[in-house]
Protein backbone atom coordinates (compact mmCIF):
# COMPACT_ATOMS: atom_id res chain seq x y z
CA MET A 1 -41.86 -19.95 10.91
CA VAL A 2 -38.52 -19.61 12.71
CA PHE A 3 -37.84 -16.25 14.31
CA PHE A 4 -34.58 -17.24 15.90
CA ASP A 5 -31.87 -19.45 14.43
CA VAL A 6 -29.13 -20.63 16.78
CA GLY A 7 -26.79 -21.15 13.83
CA ASN A 8 -26.68 -17.40 13.33
CA TRP A 9 -25.73 -16.92 16.97
CA LEU A 10 -22.99 -19.55 17.34
CA GLY A 11 -20.28 -17.14 16.22
CA TRP A 12 -21.51 -14.52 18.67
CA ILE A 13 -21.62 -17.07 21.47
CA ALA A 14 -18.08 -18.27 20.69
CA GLY A 15 -16.89 -14.67 20.50
CA GLY A 16 -18.53 -13.91 23.83
CA TYR A 17 -16.80 -16.86 25.47
CA LEU A 18 -13.48 -15.76 23.98
CA LEU A 19 -13.92 -12.17 25.14
CA MET A 20 -15.01 -13.17 28.64
CA SER A 21 -12.16 -15.68 28.86
CA ILE A 22 -9.65 -12.96 28.04
CA VAL A 23 -11.21 -10.66 30.65
CA ALA A 24 -11.18 -13.46 33.25
CA PHE A 25 -7.56 -14.36 32.50
CA ILE A 26 -6.52 -10.73 32.91
CA ALA A 27 -8.50 -10.45 36.17
CA TYR A 28 -6.72 -13.53 37.55
CA ALA A 29 -3.33 -12.13 36.44
CA VAL A 30 -4.06 -8.77 38.10
CA ASP A 31 -5.14 -10.55 41.29
CA LYS A 32 -2.02 -12.76 41.25
CA SER A 33 0.17 -9.68 40.86
CA ALA A 34 -1.67 -7.91 43.67
CA ALA A 35 -1.22 -10.93 45.93
CA LYS A 36 2.52 -10.99 45.26
CA ASN A 37 2.89 -7.23 45.82
CA ASN A 38 0.61 -6.90 48.85
CA ARG A 39 -1.88 -4.66 46.99
CA TRP A 40 -5.67 -4.46 46.70
CA ARG A 41 -7.07 -7.82 45.56
CA THR A 42 -9.87 -8.70 43.17
CA GLN A 43 -12.83 -10.09 45.09
CA GLU A 44 -13.38 -13.80 44.65
CA SER A 45 -17.02 -13.10 43.84
CA THR A 46 -15.87 -11.00 40.87
CA LEU A 47 -13.69 -13.84 39.59
CA HIS A 48 -16.60 -16.26 39.95
CA PHE A 49 -18.98 -13.87 38.21
CA LEU A 50 -16.62 -13.56 35.24
CA GLY A 51 -16.52 -17.35 35.02
CA LEU A 52 -20.29 -17.58 35.25
CA LEU A 53 -20.64 -15.12 32.36
CA GLY A 54 -18.63 -17.45 30.13
CA GLY A 55 -15.08 -16.60 31.12
CA TRP A 56 -14.48 -19.91 32.87
CA PRO A 57 -12.18 -21.30 30.11
CA GLY A 58 -9.87 -18.30 30.54
CA ALA A 59 -10.15 -18.59 34.32
CA LEU A 60 -9.22 -22.27 34.15
CA LEU A 61 -6.26 -21.46 31.91
CA ALA A 62 -5.16 -18.72 34.31
CA GLN A 63 -5.37 -21.10 37.27
CA TRP A 64 -3.14 -23.52 35.41
CA VAL A 65 -0.66 -21.08 33.85
CA LEU A 66 -0.42 -18.64 36.77
CA ARG A 67 -0.93 -21.28 39.48
CA HIS A 68 -3.43 -18.96 41.08
CA LYS A 69 -6.46 -19.97 43.18
CA SER A 70 -6.08 -23.60 42.09
CA LYS A 71 -5.22 -24.94 45.56
CA LYS A 72 -7.94 -23.14 47.51
CA ALA A 73 -10.60 -25.85 47.94
CA ALA A 74 -13.53 -23.57 48.82
CA PHE A 75 -12.81 -21.36 45.83
CA MET A 76 -12.58 -24.35 43.49
CA VAL A 77 -15.92 -25.77 44.66
CA VAL A 78 -17.65 -22.50 43.78
CA PHE A 79 -15.63 -22.22 40.56
CA TRP A 80 -16.75 -25.65 39.33
CA ALA A 81 -20.33 -24.85 40.33
CA THR A 82 -20.21 -21.73 38.12
CA VAL A 83 -18.80 -23.83 35.26
CA LEU A 84 -21.64 -26.31 35.65
CA ILE A 85 -24.27 -23.57 35.80
CA ASN A 86 -22.81 -21.89 32.72
CA CYS A 87 -22.67 -25.14 30.74
CA VAL A 88 -26.22 -26.09 31.68
CA ALA A 89 -27.46 -22.63 30.70
CA LEU A 90 -25.63 -22.84 27.37
CA ALA A 91 -27.01 -26.32 26.68
CA TRP A 92 -30.53 -25.16 27.54
CA PHE A 93 -30.16 -22.17 25.22
CA LEU A 94 -28.85 -24.28 22.34
CA MET A 95 -31.52 -26.96 22.76
CA ARG A 96 -34.34 -24.49 23.29
CA TRP A 97 -33.59 -22.52 20.16
CA ARG A 98 -32.42 -25.25 17.76
């Protein structure tokens, strides 16, 4: 007996990634604007957390489109670590519940 079917959740997972990507992109755009206008900045830990929650595709797009945070080596190391952690967690989830 199957109590949980991943197929039923794939749309929700994709929607979650889309939503978090939009939130992450907006957070990067707000931070870029703040940096240009000498205003309060979004903490890097917040940007990383959004990526970890599934917003990393939007964060990656924002880095490319806005040219923001893409040159800061220490930030990028943590960013790619969050991408890896997120992908491993997603793979585990999909394999565990298939």
